[in-house]
Amino acid sequence: MIWVSYIIAIYKEPGSPPKNFEPAPGEWKRWCKKCQLYKPERAHHCKTCKKCVLKMDHHCPWTANCVGHDNMPHFLRFLLWVDYTTAYTLYYLFKRLLSYWNDRNLPAYLISKVHLTATIVLIPLDFFVLLTVGILTFRCFYHIIVTGMSQIESWEYERLESQLSSERLRNKIKHNYELLFGKELKDVTSWSSGANVLREPPETNIPFFTVDDLVFPYDLNPWSNLLQAFGYPWNWILPWGKPLGDGLSYPKNEYANPEDQDLSSLPWPPDGGHQDRINGEHLFNDTIQDNEQVVQRRMVHDPRNNMNRTEWYNDFGEKLSDFGVDVEAETFDTPSAAVGSSSEARE
């Protein structure tokens, strides 16, 4: 089952948007500079595969393939079979080691030196594989079930949480809100707002909100998150089991209703660029430039607070490019061209 799931994870495509894909009227538009095509929600351009990948999680060097919407179940099954098999093997290796210990008083010629050496070498090797793959398995399943996020989307959430005091980030979210809904963003009263959150000085025109107001729209509930990524239970152990949906659109939670026109209804990430194409040329409806001013916080200054998406890294040192994303195909804070007003951009 390891080899079957591994081969499928290698050769099964993660899924790419069709050449004629067009966002629905009124939707946030994401244009890929490399493919010269619109990207569906949650899709990214892989720098190794040279194409856009639906619900991209990361590019895996061990399968030489991207992990995305269509092959996520195959990749997870491969991880689970590796965990099970290495744990099973480790159990019997320790039993063999215990038998050597019990037979330690026997004459040396009764013990196979080849078998003893293999046991001593394979125990730490097997344990290392189990530990590293087990951590990856836990990380993937935690994001999928508990948060409903891919690893890239989880990285984005960490970045937003880290940079929430940045005036640049808040200006960008404010600009996107006005671009999408055509009205000014006011203060948001968060249920978690407390003394540990420092409001901006009165003279600034940046609205107040906390990271809890930036709702991830695709987090339904643990059971629904699992079904979306893994398919129905009777397909879970089958090598050909598939996820739900087509990868072009995803159900959203009750807090992410665009008709509500509040902060929780912004696309993900909420500071991403709105990208359009006119007569074969891509235009970026984005006029926000980097601002080095950082709102002061009651904590030690973090140099990452004001970094843009290409530069920011999480506590593990991971950048967006480390997940395989082609950052040159993404829109960041400083666009190559800017067009129109908010009303023109919506049109």
C-alpha atoms as a PDB file:
ATOM      1  CA  MET A   1       0.000   0.000   0.000  1.00  0.00           C
ATOM      2  CA  ILE A   2       2.957   2.321   0.553  1.00  0.00           C
ATOM      3  CA  TRP A   3       4.154   1.772  -2.998  1.00  0.00           C
ATOM      4  CA  VAL A   4       0.678   1.980  -4.514  1.00  0.00           C
ATOM      5  CA  SER A   5      -0.138   5.249  -2.745  1.00  0.00           C
ATOM      6  CA  TYR A   6       3.343   6.611  -3.440  1.00  0.00           C
ATOM      7  CA  ILE A   7       3.118   5.935  -7.178  1.00  0.00           C
ATOM      8  CA  ILE A   8      -0.338   7.529  -7.337  1.00  0.00           C
ATOM      9  CA  ALA A   9       0.915  10.559  -5.363  1.00  0.00           C
ATOM     10  CA  ILE A  10       3.726  10.933  -7.908  1.00  0.00           C
ATOM     11  CA  TYR A  11       1.672  10.621 -11.088  1.00  0.00           C
ATOM     12  CA  LYS A  12      -1.715  12.017 -10.042  1.00  0.00           C
ATOM     13  CA  GLU A  13      -2.000  15.670 -11.103  1.00  0.00           C
ATOM     14  CA  PRO A  14      -2.986  18.138  -8.356  1.00  0.00           C
ATOM     15  CA  GLY A  15      -5.358  19.898 -10.729  1.00  0.00           C
ATOM     16  CA  SER A  16      -5.032  23.123 -12.728  1.00  0.00           C
ATOM     17  CA  PRO A  17      -7.645  25.691 -13.789  1.00  0.00           C
ATOM     18  CA  PRO A  18      -9.070  25.293 -17.289  1.00  0.00           C
ATOM     19  CA  LYS A  19      -7.859  27.685 -19.960  1.00  0.00           C
ATOM     20  CA  ASN A  20     -11.292  29.309 -20.188  1.00  0.00           C
ATOM     21  CA  PHE A  21     -11.730  29.881 -16.449  1.00  0.00           C
ATOM     22  CA  GLU A  22     -13.343  33.226 -15.624  1.00  0.00           C
ATOM     23  CA  PRO A  23     -14.268  34.503 -12.138  1.00  0.00           C
ATOM     24  CA  ALA A  24     -17.961  35.067 -11.579  1.00  0.00           C
ATOM     25  CA  PRO A  25     -19.202  38.677 -11.885  1.00  0.00           C
ATOM     26  CA  GLY A  26     -18.389  40.617  -8.734  1.00  0.00           C
ATOM     27  CA  GLU A  27     -15.801  38.099  -7.515  1.00  0.00           C
ATOM     28  CA  TRP A  28     -12.262  38.999  -6.523  1.00  0.00           C
ATOM     29  CA  LYS A  29     -10.027  38.511  -9.571  1.00  0.00           C
ATOM     30  CA  ARG A  30      -6.616  36.854  -9.373  1.00  0.00           C
ATOM     31  CA  TRP A  31      -4.507  36.955 -12.522  1.00  0.00           C
ATOM     32  CA  CYS A  32      -1.431  34.736 -13.002  1.00  0.00           C
ATOM     33  CA  LYS A  33       1.416  36.601 -14.658  1.00  0.00           C
ATOM     34  CA  LYS A  34       3.088  33.368 -15.775  1.00  0.00           C
ATOM     35  CA  CYS A  35       0.107  31.396 -17.134  1.00  0.00           C
ATOM     36  CA  GLN A  36      -1.635  34.537 -18.411  1.00  0.00           C
ATOM     37  CA  LEU A  37      -4.856  33.117 -17.012  1.00  0.00           C
ATOM     38  CA  TYR A  38      -7.213  33.810 -14.136  1.00  0.00           C
ATOM     39  CA  LYS A  39      -6.608  31.754 -11.004  1.00  0.00           C
ATOM     40  CA  PRO A  40      -9.505  30.280  -8.992  1.00  0.00           C
ATOM     41  CA  GLU A  41      -9.689  30.911  -5.276  1.00  0.00           C
ATOM     42  CA  ARG A  42      -6.986  29.121  -3.237  1.00  0.00           C
ATOM     43  CA  ALA A  43      -4.858  28.427  -6.347  1.00  0.00           C
ATOM     44  CA  HIS A  44      -1.163  29.382  -6.680  1.00  0.00           C
ATOM     45  CA  HIS A  45       1.463  29.134  -9.398  1.00  0.00           C
ATOM     46  CA  CYS A  46       4.135  26.502  -8.660  1.00  0.00           C
ATOM     47  CA  LYS A  47       7.667  27.575  -9.555  1.00  0.00           C
ATOM     48  CA  THR A  48       8.753  23.947 -10.121  1.00  0.00           C
ATOM     49  CA  CYS A  49       5.734  22.580 -12.007  1.00  0.00           C
ATOM     50  CA  LYS A  50       5.453  25.845 -14.000  1.00  0.00           C
ATOM     51  CA  LYS A  51       1.664  25.939 -13.727  1.00  0.00           C
ATOM     52  CA  CYS A  52      -1.157  27.042 -11.458  1.00  0.00           C
ATOM     53  CA  VAL A  53      -2.252  24.431  -8.919  1.00  0.00           C
ATOM     54  CA  LEU A  54      -5.753  24.181  -7.453  1.00  0.00           C
ATOM     55  CA  LYS A  55      -5.797  24.591  -3.659  1.00  0.00           C
ATOM     56  CA  MET A  56      -2.020  24.328  -3.574  1.00  0.00           C
ATOM     57  CA  ASP A  57      -0.678  22.973  -0.282  1.00  0.00           C
ATOM     58  CA  HIS A  58       3.036  22.687  -1.131  1.00  0.00           C
ATOM     59  CA  HIS A  59       5.431  21.242  -3.674  1.00  0.00           C
ATOM     60  CA  CYS A  60       6.747  17.908  -2.397  1.00  0.00           C
ATOM     61  CA  PRO A  61      10.329  17.037  -3.413  1.00  0.00           C
ATOM     62  CA  TRP A  62       9.798  13.367  -2.459  1.00  0.00           C
ATOM     63  CA  THR A  63       7.022  12.921  -5.014  1.00  0.00           C
ATOM     64  CA  ALA A  64       8.400  15.527  -7.463  1.00  0.00           C
ATOM     65  CA  ASN A  65       4.836  16.770  -7.627  1.00  0.00           C
ATOM     66  CA  CYS A  66       2.646  19.470  -6.181  1.00  0.00           C
ATOM     67  CA  VAL A  67       0.146  18.562  -3.489  1.00  0.00           C
ATOM     68  CA  GLY A  68      -3.164  20.183  -4.353  1.00  0.00           C
ATOM     69  CA  HIS A  69      -6.888  19.615  -4.552  1.00  0.00           C
ATOM     70  CA  ASP A  70      -7.011  16.505  -6.741  1.00  0.00           C
ATOM     71  CA  ASN A  71      -4.140  14.520  -5.194  1.00  0.00           C
ATOM     72  CA  MET A  72      -4.311  15.600  -1.547  1.00  0.00           C
ATOM     73  CA  PRO A  73      -6.063  12.334  -0.461  1.00  0.00           C
ATOM     74  CA  HIS A  74      -3.411  10.251  -2.254  1.00  0.00           C
ATOM     75  CA  PHE A  75      -0.601  12.157  -0.560  1.00  0.00           C
ATOM     76  CA  LEU A  76      -2.223  11.824   2.874  1.00  0.00           C
ATOM     77  CA  ARG A  77      -2.810   8.097   2.370  1.00  0.00           C
ATOM     78  CA  PHE A  78       0.863   7.738   1.470  1.00  0.00           C
ATOM     79  CA  LEU A  79       1.867   9.504   4.706  1.00  0.00           C
ATOM     80  CA  LEU A  80      -0.466   7.338   6.786  1.00  0.00           C
ATOM     81  CA  TRP A  81       0.830   4.090   5.257  1.00  0.00           C
ATOM     82  CA  VAL A  82       4.424   5.226   5.908  1.00  0.00           C
ATOM     83  CA  ASP A  83       3.534   6.024   9.543  1.00  0.00           C
ATOM     84  CA  TYR A  84       1.812   2.671  10.039  1.00  0.00           C
ATOM     85  CA  THR A  85       4.555   0.618   8.391  1.00  0.00           C
ATOM     86  CA  THR A  86       7.496   2.327  10.091  1.00  0.00           C
ATOM     87  CA  ALA A  87       5.741   2.046  13.475  1.00  0.00           C
ATOM     88  CA  TYR A  88       5.072  -1.656  12.818  1.00  0.00           C
ATOM     89  CA  THR A  89       8.693  -2.178  11.783  1.00  0.00           C
ATOM     90  CA  LEU A  90      10.022  -0.275  14.799  1.00  0.00           C
ATOM     91  CA  TYR A  91       7.978  -2.490  17.121  1.00  0.00           C
ATOM     92  CA  TYR A  92       9.581  -5.664  15.738  1.00  0.00           C
ATOM     93  CA  LEU A  93      13.050  -4.128  15.661  1.00  0.00           C
ATOM     94  CA  PHE A  94      12.765  -3.376  19.367  1.00  0.00           C
ATOM     95  CA  LYS A  95      11.542  -6.930  19.983  1.00  0.00           C
ATOM     96  CA  ARG A  96      14.646  -8.204  18.168  1.00  0.00           C
ATOM     97  CA  LEU A  97      16.859  -5.856  20.206  1.00  0.00           C
ATOM     98  CA  LEU A  98      15.249  -7.103  23.426  1.00  0.00           C
ATOM     99  CA  SER A  99      15.938 -10.701  22.398  1.00  0.00           C
ATOM    100  CA  TYR A 100      19.614  -9.815  21.905  1.00  0.00           C
ATOM    101  CA  TRP A 101      19.683  -8.308  25.377  1.00  0.00           C
ATOM    102  CA  ASN A 102      18.088 -11.413  26.886  1.00  0.00           C
ATOM    103  CA  ASP A 103      20.659 -13.585  25.067  1.00  0.00           C
ATOM    104  CA  ARG A 104      23.622 -11.414  26.037  1.00  0.00           C
ATOM    105  CA  ASN A 105      25.209 -14.242  28.054  1.00  0.00           C
ATOM    106  CA  LEU A 106      25.217 -16.693  25.165  1.00  0.00           C
ATOM    107  CA  PRO A 107      28.438 -17.411  23.248  1.00  0.00           C
ATOM    108  CA  ALA A 108      29.121 -14.787  20.563  1.00  0.00           C
ATOM    109  CA  TYR A 109      29.178 -17.352  17.745  1.00  0.00           C
ATOM    110  CA  LEU A 110      25.468 -18.015  18.347  1.00  0.00           C
ATOM    111  CA  ILE A 111      24.583 -14.396  17.488  1.00  0.00           C
ATOM    112  CA  SER A 112      24.496 -13.306  13.843  1.00  0.00           C
ATOM    113  CA  LYS A 113      26.663 -10.210  13.588  1.00  0.00           C
ATOM    114  CA  VAL A 114      24.932  -9.240  10.331  1.00  0.00           C
ATOM    115  CA  HIS A 115      21.510  -9.324  11.973  1.00  0.00           C
ATOM    116  CA  LEU A 116      22.748  -7.503  15.064  1.00  0.00           C
ATOM    117  CA  THR A 117      24.386  -4.779  12.986  1.00  0.00           C
ATOM    118  CA  ALA A 118      21.267  -4.388  10.839  1.00  0.00           C
ATOM    119  CA  THR A 119      19.109  -4.056  13.956  1.00  0.00           C
ATOM    120  CA  ILE A 120      21.379  -1.388  15.466  1.00  0.00           C
ATOM    121  CA  VAL A 121      21.465   0.598  12.203  1.00  0.00           C
ATOM    122  CA  LEU A 122      17.785   0.262  11.310  1.00  0.00           C
ATOM    123  CA  ILE A 123      16.323   1.302  14.694  1.00  0.00           C
ATOM    124  CA  PRO A 124      17.506   4.954  14.592  1.00  0.00           C
ATOM    125  CA  LEU A 125      16.886   5.128  10.835  1.00  0.00           C
ATOM    126  CA  ASP A 126      13.349   3.802  11.158  1.00  0.00           C
ATOM    127  CA  PHE A 127      12.674   6.051  14.156  1.00  0.00           C
ATOM    128  CA  PHE A 128      13.886   9.111  12.203  1.00  0.00           C
ATOM    129  CA  VAL A 129      11.542   8.344   9.292  1.00  0.00           C
ATOM    130  CA  LEU A 130       8.615   7.743  11.653  1.00  0.00           C
ATOM    131  CA  LEU A 131       9.306  10.975  13.553  1.00  0.00           C
ATOM    132  CA  THR A 132       9.710  13.255  10.530  1.00  0.00           C
ATOM    133  CA  VAL A 133       6.859  11.807   8.473  1.00  0.00           C
ATOM    134  CA  GLY A 134       4.694  11.658  11.595  1.00  0.00           C
ATOM    135  CA  ILE A 135       5.241  15.382  12.221  1.00  0.00           C
ATOM    136  CA  LEU A 136       4.319  16.158   8.602  1.00  0.00           C
ATOM    137  CA  THR A 137       1.229  13.949   8.866  1.00  0.00           C
ATOM    138  CA  PHE A 138       0.106  15.660  12.074  1.00  0.00           C
ATOM    139  CA  ARG A 139       0.730  19.087  10.569  1.00  0.00           C
ATOM    140  CA  CYS A 140      -1.276  18.301   7.422  1.00  0.00           C
ATOM    141  CA  PHE A 141      -4.199  16.726   9.268  1.00  0.00           C
ATOM    142  CA  TYR A 142      -4.281  19.470  11.898  1.00  0.00           C
ATOM    143  CA  HIS A 143      -4.562  22.166   9.243  1.00  0.00           C
ATOM    144  CA  ILE A 144      -7.091  20.209   7.180  1.00  0.00           C
ATOM    145  CA  ILE A 145      -9.397  19.145  10.022  1.00  0.00           C
ATOM    146  CA  VAL A 146      -9.077  21.828  12.706  1.00  0.00           C
ATOM    147  CA  THR A 147      -8.586  24.970  10.589  1.00  0.00           C
ATOM    148  CA  GLY A 148      -9.631  23.875   7.090  1.00  0.00           C
ATOM    149  CA  MET A 149      -6.463  25.460   5.716  1.00  0.00           C
ATOM    150  CA  SER A 150      -3.753  24.327   3.378  1.00  0.00           C
ATOM    151  CA  GLN A 151      -0.206  24.822   4.628  1.00  0.00           C
ATOM    152  CA  ILE A 152       0.118  27.945   2.463  1.00  0.00           C
ATOM    153  CA  GLU A 153      -3.100  29.386   3.888  1.00  0.00           C
ATOM    154  CA  SER A 154      -1.926  28.611   7.424  1.00  0.00           C
ATOM    155  CA  TRP A 155       1.312  30.449   6.641  1.00  0.00           C
ATOM    156  CA  GLU A 156      -0.733  33.428   5.449  1.00  0.00           C
ATOM    157  CA  TYR A 157      -2.707  33.450   8.715  1.00  0.00           C
ATOM    158  CA  GLU A 158       0.504  33.435  10.753  1.00  0.00           C
ATOM    159  CA  ARG A 159       1.783  36.358   8.668  1.00  0.00           C
ATOM    160  CA  LEU A 160      -1.406  38.367   9.190  1.00  0.00           C
ATOM    161  CA  GLU A 161      -1.378  37.680  12.916  1.00  0.00           C
ATOM    162  CA  SER A 162       2.265  38.725  13.162  1.00  0.00           C
ATOM    163  CA  GLN A 163       1.848  41.906  11.116  1.00  0.00           C
ATOM    164  CA  LEU A 164      -1.480  43.164  12.428  1.00  0.00           C
ATOM    165  CA  SER A 165       0.212  46.200  14.012  1.00  0.00           C
ATOM    166  CA  SER A 166       1.664  47.213  10.650  1.00  0.00           C
ATOM    167  CA  GLU A 167       0.086  50.316   9.166  1.00  0.00           C
ATOM    168  CA  ARG A 168       0.976  49.006   5.719  1.00  0.00           C
ATOM    169  CA  LEU A 169      -1.078  45.818   6.259  1.00  0.00           C
ATOM    170  CA  ARG A 170      -4.073  47.631   7.727  1.00  0.00           C
ATOM    171  CA  ASN A 171      -4.041  50.169   4.905  1.00  0.00           C
ATOM    172  CA  LYS A 172      -3.988  47.333   2.386  1.00  0.00           C
ATOM    173  CA  ILE A 173      -6.954  45.545   3.987  1.00  0.00           C
ATOM    174  CA  LYS A 174      -8.834  48.838   4.217  1.00  0.00           C
ATOM    175  CA  HIS A 175      -8.151  49.496   0.527  1.00  0.00           C
ATOM    176  CA  ASN A 176      -9.334  45.993  -0.485  1.00  0.00           C
ATOM    177  CA  TYR A 177     -12.529  46.396   1.515  1.00  0.00           C
ATOM    178  CA  GLU A 178     -13.324  49.676  -0.210  1.00  0.00           C
ATOM    179  CA  LEU A 179     -12.452  48.155  -3.592  1.00  0.00           C
ATOM    180  CA  LEU A 180     -14.759  45.160  -3.094  1.00  0.00           C
ATOM    181  CA  PHE A 181     -17.714  46.786  -1.352  1.00  0.00           C
ATOM    182  CA  GLY A 182     -17.443  50.412  -2.493  1.00  0.00           C
ATOM    183  CA  LYS A 183     -17.619  51.900   0.983  1.00  0.00           C
ATOM    184  CA  GLU A 184     -15.227  52.901   3.738  1.00  0.00           C
ATOM    185  CA  LEU A 185     -14.178  50.361   6.356  1.00  0.00           C
ATOM    186  CA  LYS A 186     -15.069  51.441   9.875  1.00  0.00           C
ATOM    187  CA  ASP A 187     -13.873  50.113  13.237  1.00  0.00           C
ATOM    188  CA  VAL A 188     -14.719  46.466  13.878  1.00  0.00           C
ATOM    189  CA  THR A 189     -15.700  45.423  17.398  1.00  0.00           C
ATOM    190  CA  SER A 190     -14.030  42.075  17.956  1.00  0.00           C
ATOM    191  CA  TRP A 191     -15.222  39.657  20.627  1.00  0.00           C
ATOM    192  CA  SER A 192     -11.587  39.173  21.654  1.00  0.00           C
ATOM    193  CA  SER A 193     -10.620  42.852  21.842  1.00  0.00           C
ATOM    194  CA  GLY A 194      -9.002  43.473  25.173  1.00  0.00           C
ATOM    195  CA  ALA A 195      -6.366  45.332  27.107  1.00  0.00           C
ATOM    196  CA  ASN A 196      -3.565  43.419  25.418  1.00  0.00           C
ATOM    197  CA  VAL A 197      -4.455  44.984  22.039  1.00  0.00           C
ATOM    198  CA  LEU A 198      -3.288  48.551  21.565  1.00  0.00           C
ATOM    199  CA  ARG A 199      -5.519  50.750  19.442  1.00  0.00           C
ATOM    200  CA  GLU A 200      -3.978  53.082  16.914  1.00  0.00           C
ATOM    201  CA  PRO A 201      -3.420  56.732  17.863  1.00  0.00           C
ATOM    202  CA  PRO A 202      -6.541  58.906  17.404  1.00  0.00           C
ATOM    203  CA  GLU A 203      -4.978  60.913  14.575  1.00  0.00           C
ATOM    204  CA  THR A 204      -4.664  57.922  12.236  1.00  0.00           C
ATOM    205  CA  ASN A 205      -7.462  57.096   9.790  1.00  0.00           C
ATOM    206  CA  ILE A 206      -6.831  53.342   9.885  1.00  0.00           C
ATOM    207  CA  PRO A 207      -9.811  51.374  11.262  1.00  0.00           C
ATOM    208  CA  PHE A 208      -9.383  49.191  14.333  1.00  0.00           C
ATOM    209  CA  PHE A 209      -9.761  45.412  14.092  1.00  0.00           C
ATOM    210  CA  THR A 210      -8.076  42.300  15.454  1.00  0.00           C
ATOM    211  CA  VAL A 211      -6.917  39.068  13.822  1.00  0.00           C
ATOM    212  CA  ASP A 212     -10.177  37.366  14.890  1.00  0.00           C
ATOM    213  CA  ASP A 213     -12.066  39.703  12.575  1.00  0.00           C
ATOM    214  CA  LEU A 214     -10.120  38.283   9.609  1.00  0.00           C
ATOM    215  CA  VAL A 215     -12.220  35.130   9.288  1.00  0.00           C
ATOM    216  CA  PHE A 216     -10.835  32.327   7.145  1.00  0.00           C
ATOM    217  CA  PRO A 217     -13.796  31.699   4.814  1.00  0.00           C
ATOM    218  CA  TYR A 218     -13.266  27.977   4.086  1.00  0.00           C
ATOM    219  CA  ASP A 219     -13.241  26.673   7.675  1.00  0.00           C
ATOM    220  CA  LEU A 220     -16.617  24.932   7.947  1.00  0.00           C
ATOM    221  CA  ASN A 221     -16.305  22.486  10.879  1.00  0.00           C
ATOM    222  CA  PRO A 222     -13.869  19.604  11.532  1.00  0.00           C
ATOM    223  CA  TRP A 223     -16.075  16.938   9.942  1.00  0.00           C
ATOM    224  CA  SER A 224     -16.935  18.997   6.860  1.00  0.00           C
ATOM    225  CA  ASN A 225     -13.296  20.082   6.498  1.00  0.00           C
ATOM    226  CA  LEU A 226     -12.248  16.425   6.470  1.00  0.00           C
ATOM    227  CA  LEU A 227     -14.885  15.494   3.887  1.00  0.00           C
ATOM    228  CA  GLN A 228     -13.880  18.372   1.613  1.00  0.00           C
ATOM    229  CA  ALA A 229     -10.240  17.254   1.574  1.00  0.00           C
ATOM    230  CA  PHE A 230     -10.602  13.471   1.794  1.00  0.00           C
ATOM    231  CA  GLY A 231     -13.996  12.624   0.311  1.00  0.00           C
ATOM    232  CA  TYR A 232     -16.653  10.407   1.877  1.00  0.00           C
ATOM    233  CA  PRO A 233     -15.592   7.839   4.519  1.00  0.00           C
ATOM    234  CA  TRP A 234     -16.154   4.762   2.324  1.00  0.00           C
ATOM    235  CA  ASN A 235     -13.435   6.091  -0.029  1.00  0.00           C
ATOM    236  CA  TRP A 236     -10.816   6.932   2.593  1.00  0.00           C
ATOM    237  CA  ILE A 237      -8.794   3.712   2.444  1.00  0.00           C
ATOM    238  CA  LEU A 238      -9.288   3.131  -1.285  1.00  0.00           C
ATOM    239  CA  PRO A 239      -6.268   4.140  -3.389  1.00  0.00           C
ATOM    240  CA  TRP A 240      -8.525   5.944  -5.875  1.00  0.00           C
ATOM    241  CA  GLY A 241     -10.591   7.869  -3.282  1.00  0.00           C
ATOM    242  CA  LYS A 242     -11.098  11.518  -4.317  1.00  0.00           C
ATOM    243  CA  PRO A 243     -11.939  14.794  -2.536  1.00  0.00           C
ATOM    244  CA  LEU A 244     -15.246  16.625  -2.917  1.00  0.00           C
ATOM    245  CA  GLY A 245     -15.783  19.400  -5.435  1.00  0.00           C
ATOM    246  CA  ASP A 246     -13.991  20.474  -8.591  1.00  0.00           C
ATOM    247  CA  GLY A 247     -11.298  22.658  -6.980  1.00  0.00           C
ATOM    248  CA  LEU A 248     -12.531  25.798  -8.736  1.00  0.00           C
ATOM    249  CA  SER A 249     -14.825  26.934  -5.930  1.00  0.00           C
ATOM    250  CA  TYR A 250     -15.361  25.893  -2.319  1.00  0.00           C
ATOM    251  CA  PRO A 251     -18.208  26.189   0.175  1.00  0.00           C
ATOM    252  CA  LYS A 252     -17.733  29.017   2.641  1.00  0.00           C
ATOM    253  CA  ASN A 253     -18.709  29.286   6.271  1.00  0.00           C
ATOM    254  CA  GLU A 254     -21.632  31.354   7.486  1.00  0.00           C
ATOM    255  CA  TYR A 255     -19.353  34.247   8.450  1.00  0.00           C
ATOM    256  CA  ALA A 256     -17.996  34.670   4.901  1.00  0.00           C
ATOM    257  CA  ASN A 257     -21.073  35.865   3.053  1.00  0.00           C
ATOM    258  CA  PRO A 258     -20.165  38.598   0.548  1.00  0.00           C
ATOM    259  CA  GLU A 259     -23.686  40.019   0.878  1.00  0.00           C
ATOM    260  CA  ASP A 260     -22.913  40.914   4.509  1.00  0.00           C
ATOM    261  CA  GLN A 261     -20.168  43.300   3.310  1.00  0.00           C
ATOM    262  CA  ASP A 262     -18.114  43.058   6.479  1.00  0.00           C
ATOM    263  CA  LEU A 263     -14.456  42.322   7.167  1.00  0.00           C
ATOM    264  CA  SER A 264     -15.062  38.572   7.417  1.00  0.00           C
ATOM    265  CA  SER A 265     -16.287  38.501   3.798  1.00  0.00           C
ATOM    266  CA  LEU A 266     -12.967  39.540   2.257  1.00  0.00           C
ATOM    267  CA  PRO A 267     -11.147  37.015   0.035  1.00  0.00           C
ATOM    268  CA  TRP A 268      -8.141  35.126   1.378  1.00  0.00           C
ATOM    269  CA  PRO A 269      -5.651  36.530   2.071  1.00  0.00           C
ATOM    270  CA  PRO A 270      -7.500  39.787   2.779  1.00  0.00           C
ATOM    271  CA  ASP A 271      -4.480  41.880   1.768  1.00  0.00           C
ATOM    272  CA  GLY A 272      -4.020  40.163  -1.607  1.00  0.00           C
ATOM    273  CA  GLY A 273      -4.097  42.086  -4.873  1.00  0.00           C
ATOM    274  CA  HIS A 274      -7.154  42.464  -7.097  1.00  0.00           C
ATOM    275  CA  GLN A 275      -5.911  41.554 -10.587  1.00  0.00           C
ATOM    276  CA  ASP A 276      -7.629  42.014 -13.925  1.00  0.00           C
ATOM    277  CA  ARG A 277      -6.838  41.611 -17.620  1.00  0.00           C
ATOM    278  CA  ILE A 278      -7.850  43.966 -20.430  1.00  0.00           C
ATOM    279  CA  ASN A 279      -6.987  43.262 -24.080  1.00  0.00           C
ATOM    280  CA  GLY A 280      -4.329  40.745 -23.142  1.00  0.00           C
ATOM    281  CA  GLU A 281      -2.620  42.988 -20.577  1.00  0.00           C
ATOM    282  CA  HIS A 282      -2.931  42.417 -16.864  1.00  0.00           C
ATOM    283  CA  LEU A 283      -3.819  45.435 -14.755  1.00  0.00           C
ATOM    284  CA  PHE A 284      -3.488  45.663 -11.015  1.00  0.00           C
ATOM    285  CA  ASN A 285      -6.281  47.503  -9.275  1.00  0.00           C
ATOM    286  CA  ASP A 286      -4.030  48.249  -6.360  1.00  0.00           C
ATOM    287  CA  THR A 287      -2.645  51.644  -5.402  1.00  0.00           C
ATOM    288  CA  ILE A 288      -1.210  50.863  -1.968  1.00  0.00           C
ATOM    289  CA  GLN A 289       2.581  51.219  -1.697  1.00  0.00           C
ATOM    290  CA  ASP A 290       4.826  49.931   1.091  1.00  0.00           C
ATOM    291  CA  ASN A 291       4.798  52.156   4.160  1.00  0.00           C
ATOM    292  CA  GLU A 292       7.723  51.790   6.551  1.00  0.00           C
ATOM    293  CA  GLN A 293       5.818  53.300   9.471  1.00  0.00           C
ATOM    294  CA  VAL A 294       4.850  50.656  12.009  1.00  0.00           C
ATOM    295  CA  VAL A 295       2.231  51.303  14.668  1.00  0.00           C
ATOM    296  CA  GLN A 296       3.871  50.911  18.064  1.00  0.00           C
ATOM    297  CA  ARG A 297       2.848  47.934  20.174  1.00  0.00           C
ATOM    298  CA  ARG A 298       3.294  47.059  23.831  1.00  0.00           C
ATOM    299  CA  MET A 299       5.741  44.287  23.010  1.00  0.00           C
ATOM    300  CA  VAL A 300       9.253  43.719  21.702  1.00  0.00           C
ATOM    301  CA  HIS A 301       9.549  44.962  18.101  1.00  0.00           C
ATOM    302  CA  ASP A 302       9.606  42.165  15.546  1.00  0.00           C
ATOM    303  CA  PRO A 303      11.523  43.054  12.355  1.00  0.00           C
ATOM    304  CA  ARG A 304       8.996  40.970  10.379  1.00  0.00           C
ATOM    305  CA  ASN A 305       6.109  43.301  11.260  1.00  0.00           C
ATOM    306  CA  ASN A 306       6.385  45.398   8.124  1.00  0.00           C
ATOM    307  CA  MET A 307       7.730  42.849   5.629  1.00  0.00           C
ATOM    308  CA  ASN A 308       5.664  42.110   2.528  1.00  0.00           C
ATOM    309  CA  ARG A 309       4.560  38.615   1.519  1.00  0.00           C
ATOM    310  CA  THR A 310       7.715  37.886  -0.475  1.00  0.00           C
ATOM    311  CA  GLU A 311       9.974  38.612   2.506  1.00  0.00           C
ATOM    312  CA  TRP A 312       8.008  37.475   5.570  1.00  0.00           C
ATOM    313  CA  TYR A 313       8.912  34.180   7.254  1.00  0.00           C
ATOM    314  CA  ASN A 314       7.261  32.284  10.108  1.00  0.00           C
ATOM    315  CA  ASP A 315       8.821  30.958  13.307  1.00  0.00           C
ATOM    316  CA  PHE A 316      10.123  27.928  11.416  1.00  0.00           C
ATOM    317  CA  GLY A 317      11.915  30.208   8.951  1.00  0.00           C
ATOM    318  CA  GLU A 318       9.513  29.279   6.136  1.00  0.00           C
ATOM    319  CA  LYS A 319       8.842  31.794   3.369  1.00  0.00           C
ATOM    320  CA  LEU A 320       6.035  31.578   0.830  1.00  0.00           C
ATOM    321  CA  SER A 321       8.515  30.368  -1.786  1.00  0.00           C
ATOM    322  CA  ASP A 322       9.497  27.439   0.479  1.00  0.00           C
ATOM    323  CA  PHE A 323       6.079  25.900  -0.200  1.00  0.00           C
ATOM    324  CA  GLY A 324       6.835  25.992  -3.927  1.00  0.00           C
ATOM    325  CA  VAL A 325       4.867  29.150  -4.748  1.00  0.00           C
ATOM    326  CA  ASP A 326       6.259  31.223  -7.620  1.00  0.00           C
ATOM    327  CA  VAL A 327       6.252  34.616  -5.919  1.00  0.00           C
ATOM    328  CA  GLU A 328       6.902  36.361  -9.230  1.00  0.00           C
ATOM    329  CA  ALA A 329       3.466  35.196 -10.396  1.00  0.00           C
ATOM    330  CA  GLU A 330       1.752  36.681  -7.339  1.00  0.00           C
ATOM    331  CA  THR A 331       0.575  40.256  -6.739  1.00  0.00           C
ATOM    332  CA  PHE A 332       2.108  41.863  -3.695  1.00  0.00           C
ATOM    333  CA  ASP A 333       2.147  45.297  -2.160  1.00  0.00           C
ATOM    334  CA  THR A 334       3.840  47.229  -4.957  1.00  0.00           C
ATOM    335  CA  PRO A 335       2.094  46.639  -8.311  1.00  0.00           C
ATOM    336  CA  SER A 336       3.707  47.164 -11.671  1.00  0.00           C
ATOM    337  CA  ALA A 337       0.710  49.178 -12.828  1.00  0.00           C
ATOM    338  CA  ALA A 338      -2.238  50.826 -11.130  1.00  0.00           C
ATOM    339  CA  VAL A 339      -5.579  51.716 -12.602  1.00  0.00           C
ATOM    340  CA  GLY A 340      -8.672  53.659 -11.817  1.00  0.00           C
ATOM    341  CA  SER A 341     -10.734  54.306  -8.763  1.00  0.00           C
ATOM    342  CA  SER A 342     -12.608  51.807  -6.644  1.00  0.00           C
ATOM    343  CA  SER A 343     -15.774  52.131  -8.717  1.00  0.00           C
ATOM    344  CA  GLU A 344     -13.836  51.620 -11.958  1.00  0.00           C
ATOM    345  CA  ALA A 345     -12.075  48.566 -10.528  1.00  0.00           C
ATOM    346  CA  ARG A 346     -15.382  46.993  -9.548  1.00  0.00           C
ATOM    347  CA  GLU A 347     -16.699  47.545 -13.044  1.00  0.00           C
END
